[in-house]
Amino acid sequence: MSVEAAGLSFDYSGRIVLDGVSFYVGSGESVAVLGANGAGKSTLLWCVLGLLKARGTVRLFGSRPDRKTLARCGVVFQNPEDQLFMPAILDDVALGLLNRGATREEARAAALAALRDVGLENYASEPAGRLSLGQRKRAAIAVALASRPELLVMDEPTAELDGRSARELAASLNRLAVTKLVASHDLQFVGRTAQRVIVLDGGRIARQGPTDEILSDRGLLEASGLA
């Protein structure tokens, strides 16, 4: 099992953000946390990774989150500029590997492979500022993929993307043989990429199940502010 969460609760300045959330992500699965803005999706991701301290229990790969388990995870933030700031995107992707002790040749080879995974190998020498937003999103995924993580955690990957860019991003993700946990409010993107969906509403799980089943439940989506 890649992720196991039981009874996760979190509050901020007295406001309940998560309230008794329990779920799992099996190895090789692509699972979406679906919810309207303010539902607690991003908070849930950060609690799973241990970046926020929640009540309850989280296990990553069978163990409590620590440096070793987090090293097996790749994280993609909502804003790609948080991960892209070097003179060329190849440098951005290689940076984490260099910081972990890889040689320059090893880091370059792994970075090029990660860019190839997301269809950006021809842009390796370009700075992020010359890429479209959709390409920058994919470059940020390459940053996370360079270390060959077992779990890819993504926060609102289609935020501000147009339809074509969102479809291209979905196609890139579907080619990746890695377990995925993705927070999103984009129904079409979730339908293209997730095998299973967890619907979060007001910090609680409203329902979880197969993607087709969840997305066909109009009443659930309307009640959760998604339709």
Protein backbone atom coordinates (compact mmCIF):
# COMPACT_ATOMS: atom_id res chain seq x y z
CA MET A 1 0.00 0.00 0.00
CA SER A 2 1.44 3.41 -0.94
CA VAL A 3 -0.75 5.58 1.32
CA GLU A 4 -2.90 4.71 4.33
CA ALA A 5 -4.66 7.47 6.27
CA ALA A 6 -6.94 6.92 9.25
CA GLY A 7 -8.94 9.55 11.13
CA LEU A 8 -7.00 12.55 9.84
CA SER A 9 -8.17 15.78 11.45
CA PHE A 10 -6.66 19.23 11.19
CA ASP A 11 -7.77 22.68 12.29
CA TYR A 12 -6.33 26.11 11.72
CA SER A 13 -6.92 28.85 14.28
CA GLY A 14 -9.95 26.98 15.55
CA ARG A 15 -11.45 26.35 12.11
CA ILE A 16 -11.85 22.67 11.25
CA VAL A 17 -10.24 21.95 7.87
CA LEU A 18 -10.18 18.13 7.97
CA ASP A 19 -12.48 16.04 10.11
CA GLY A 20 -11.81 12.32 10.47
CA VAL A 21 -10.61 11.54 6.94
CA SER A 22 -9.67 7.92 6.18
CA PHE A 23 -8.59 6.50 2.81
CA TYR A 24 -5.90 4.49 1.04
CA VAL A 25 -3.98 4.53 -2.24
CA GLY A 26 -2.82 1.16 -3.51
CA SER A 27 0.47 0.65 -5.28
CA GLY A 28 0.14 1.58 -8.95
CA GLU A 29 -3.21 3.33 -8.50
CA SER A 30 -4.14 6.79 -9.72
CA VAL A 31 -6.43 8.35 -7.11
CA ALA A 32 -7.98 11.82 -7.25
CA VAL A 33 -9.09 13.89 -4.27
CA LEU A 34 -11.98 15.82 -5.77
CA GLY A 35 -13.60 18.82 -4.14
CA ALA A 36 -14.65 22.42 -4.58
CA ASN A 37 -12.34 25.28 -3.56
CA GLY A 38 -11.97 25.28 0.21
CA ALA A 39 -12.95 21.63 0.62
CA GLY A 40 -9.59 20.79 2.24
CA LYS A 41 -7.89 19.04 -0.69
CA SER A 42 -4.49 20.74 -0.48
CA THR A 43 -4.46 20.50 3.30
CA LEU A 44 -5.06 16.76 3.00
CA LEU A 45 -2.06 16.34 0.70
CA TRP A 46 0.23 18.26 3.04
CA CYS A 47 -1.00 16.26 6.04
CA VAL A 48 -0.34 13.00 4.17
CA LEU A 49 3.23 14.14 3.48
CA GLY A 50 3.73 15.32 7.06
CA LEU A 51 4.22 18.95 6.02
CA LEU A 52 1.25 19.78 8.26
CA LYS A 53 0.81 17.94 11.55
CA ALA A 54 -2.63 16.35 11.66
CA ARG A 55 -4.28 14.21 14.30
CA GLY A 56 -4.78 10.63 13.20
CA THR A 57 -2.47 8.19 11.46
CA VAL A 58 -0.65 8.32 8.12
CA ARG A 59 1.52 5.59 6.65
CA LEU A 60 3.54 5.88 3.47
CA PHE A 61 4.71 2.53 2.11
CA GLY A 62 3.78 0.98 5.46
CA SER A 63 5.75 3.43 7.63
CA ARG A 64 5.13 6.78 9.26
CA PRO A 65 6.31 9.70 7.08
CA ASP A 66 9.99 10.46 7.58
CA ARG A 67 12.95 11.40 5.43
CA LYS A 68 13.28 7.92 3.99
CA THR A 69 9.63 7.59 2.98
CA LEU A 70 9.42 11.17 1.70
CA ALA A 71 12.46 10.49 -0.50
CA ARG A 72 10.26 7.95 -2.29
CA CYS A 73 7.68 10.66 -3.11
CA GLY A 74 7.62 13.32 -5.82
CA VAL A 75 5.60 16.48 -5.15
CA VAL A 76 4.19 18.91 -7.71
CA PHE A 77 2.84 22.20 -6.39
CA GLN A 78 -0.01 24.16 -7.93
CA ASN A 79 2.30 26.98 -9.09
CA PRO A 80 5.09 25.65 -11.36
CA GLU A 81 7.19 28.75 -10.66
CA ASP A 82 7.76 27.32 -7.17
CA GLN A 83 9.89 24.62 -8.83
CA LEU A 84 11.26 26.37 -11.95
CA PHE A 85 13.77 29.17 -11.43
CA MET A 86 17.06 28.10 -13.07
CA PRO A 87 18.44 29.41 -16.41
CA ALA A 88 17.14 26.29 -18.25
CA ILE A 89 14.55 23.69 -17.34
CA LEU A 90 17.20 20.98 -17.62
CA ASP A 91 18.97 22.72 -14.73
CA ASP A 92 15.71 22.84 -12.74
CA VAL A 93 15.14 19.12 -13.19
CA ALA A 94 18.75 18.19 -12.41
CA LEU A 95 19.07 20.41 -9.32
CA GLY A 96 17.49 18.03 -6.81
CA LEU A 97 19.64 15.16 -8.02
CA LEU A 98 22.80 17.21 -7.66
CA ASN A 99 21.73 18.15 -4.13
CA ARG A 100 21.37 14.43 -3.36
CA GLY A 101 24.96 13.75 -4.45
CA ALA A 102 24.57 12.67 -8.08
CA THR A 103 27.39 13.55 -10.46
CA ARG A 104 26.71 16.20 -13.09
CA GLU A 105 26.61 13.50 -15.79
CA GLU A 106 24.20 11.33 -13.78
CA ALA A 107 21.94 14.28 -13.01
CA ARG A 108 21.89 15.43 -16.63
CA ALA A 109 21.01 11.95 -17.91
CA ALA A 110 18.21 11.51 -15.36
CA ALA A 111 16.89 15.02 -16.03
CA LEU A 112 16.76 14.42 -19.77
CA ALA A 113 14.92 11.14 -19.18
CA ALA A 114 12.36 12.92 -16.97
CA LEU A 115 11.83 15.64 -19.59
CA ARG A 116 11.38 12.92 -22.19
CA ASP A 117 8.71 11.32 -19.99
CA VAL A 118 6.63 14.51 -20.20
CA GLY A 119 7.42 15.32 -23.84
CA LEU A 120 9.73 18.26 -23.20
CA GLU A 121 13.13 16.89 -24.20
CA ASN A 122 13.33 19.43 -27.06
CA TYR A 123 12.96 22.29 -24.57
CA ALA A 124 15.74 21.24 -22.20
CA SER A 125 17.87 24.33 -22.83
CA GLU A 126 14.96 26.79 -22.61
CA PRO A 127 14.22 28.87 -19.51
CA ALA A 128 10.80 28.29 -17.96
CA GLY A 129 9.73 31.80 -18.91
CA ARG A 130 9.71 30.84 -22.60
CA LEU A 131 7.36 27.90 -22.07
CA SER A 132 3.58 27.99 -22.06
CA LEU A 133 1.82 27.46 -18.74
CA GLY A 134 0.93 23.91 -19.76
CA GLN A 135 4.56 23.19 -20.62
CA ARG A 136 5.69 24.69 -17.31
CA LYS A 137 3.26 22.39 -15.50
CA ARG A 138 4.80 19.41 -17.29
CA ALA A 139 8.30 20.67 -16.52
CA ALA A 140 7.39 20.81 -12.82
CA ILE A 141 6.27 17.18 -13.08
CA ALA A 142 9.65 16.35 -14.61
CA VAL A 143 11.34 17.93 -11.57
CA ALA A 144 9.36 15.55 -9.37
CA LEU A 145 10.01 12.55 -11.65
CA ALA A 146 13.77 12.97 -11.94
CA SER A 147 14.44 11.02 -8.74
CA ARG A 148 12.15 8.20 -9.96
CA PRO A 149 9.63 8.42 -7.10
CA GLU A 150 7.22 5.62 -6.28
CA LEU A 151 4.42 8.07 -5.41
CA LEU A 152 3.61 11.29 -7.29
CA VAL A 153 1.56 13.83 -5.28
CA MET A 154 0.06 16.73 -7.25
CA ASP A 155 -1.94 19.78 -6.17
CA GLU A 156 -4.44 21.21 -8.71
CA PRO A 157 -2.32 20.40 -11.79
CA THR A 158 -4.81 21.90 -14.28
CA ALA A 159 -5.31 25.21 -12.47
CA GLU A 160 -5.41 28.05 -15.06
CA LEU A 161 -4.87 25.66 -17.99
CA ASP A 162 -6.96 25.80 -21.16
CA GLY A 163 -8.70 22.69 -22.45
CA ARG A 164 -5.95 21.60 -24.84
CA SER A 165 -3.19 22.03 -22.26
CA ALA A 166 -5.21 20.07 -19.70
CA ARG A 167 -5.68 17.23 -22.18
CA GLU A 168 -1.96 17.19 -22.99
CA LEU A 169 -1.12 17.11 -19.29
CA ALA A 170 -3.55 14.23 -18.73
CA ALA A 171 -1.97 12.29 -21.60
CA SER A 172 1.50 12.83 -20.11
CA LEU A 173 0.37 11.60 -16.69
CA ASN A 174 -1.32 8.53 -18.13
CA ARG A 175 1.98 7.45 -19.68
CA LEU A 176 3.74 7.47 -16.30
CA ALA A 177 4.08 4.15 -14.47
CA VAL A 178 3.93 5.66 -10.98
CA THR A 179 1.34 5.73 -8.20
CA LYS A 180 -0.51 9.06 -8.21
CA LEU A 181 -2.46 11.04 -5.62
CA VAL A 182 -3.89 14.19 -7.20
CA ALA A 183 -6.01 16.98 -5.70
CA SER A 184 -8.29 18.61 -8.26
CA HIS A 185 -11.68 20.20 -8.88
CA ASP A 186 -11.46 19.54 -12.65
CA LEU A 187 -14.03 16.85 -13.44
CA GLN A 188 -12.85 16.23 -17.00
CA PHE A 189 -9.21 15.89 -15.95
CA VAL A 190 -10.14 13.51 -13.14
CA GLY A 191 -12.23 11.47 -15.57
CA ARG A 192 -9.23 11.11 -17.88
CA THR A 193 -6.61 10.27 -15.27
CA ALA A 194 -8.04 8.71 -12.10
CA GLN A 195 -9.07 5.13 -11.46
CA ARG A 196 -10.69 6.01 -8.15
CA VAL A 197 -12.03 9.22 -6.63
CA ILE A 198 -12.33 10.55 -3.09
CA VAL A 199 -14.89 13.36 -2.85
CA LEU A 200 -14.02 15.83 -0.10
CA ASP A 201 -16.67 18.26 1.11
CA GLY A 202 -16.16 20.57 4.06
CA GLY A 203 -13.20 18.58 5.32
CA ARG A 204 -15.04 15.25 5.30
CA ILE A 205 -15.24 12.45 2.76
CA ALA A 206 -18.64 12.64 1.12
CA ARG A 207 -18.00 9.50 -0.89
CA GLN A 208 -15.23 7.47 -2.49
CA GLY A 209 -15.32 4.90 -5.26
CA PRO A 210 -14.57 4.14 -8.92
CA THR A 211 -14.23 7.24 -11.08
CA ASP A 212 -17.08 6.45 -13.48
CA GLU A 213 -19.44 5.78 -10.59
CA ILE A 214 -18.58 9.01 -8.78
CA LEU A 215 -18.67 11.26 -11.85
CA SER A 216 -22.03 9.89 -12.94
CA ASP A 217 -23.66 10.81 -9.61
CA ARG A 218 -25.00 14.27 -10.43
CA GLY A 219 -26.62 14.70 -7.04
CA LEU A 220 -23.33 14.05 -5.24
CA LEU A 221 -21.43 16.47 -7.47
CA GLU A 222 -24.02 19.21 -7.02
CA ALA A 223 -24.15 18.73 -3.25
CA SER A 224 -20.34 18.93 -3.12
CA GLY A 225 -20.18 22.14 -5.16
CA LEU A 226 -18.68 20.44 -8.20
CA ALA A 227 -21.53 20.79 -10.69
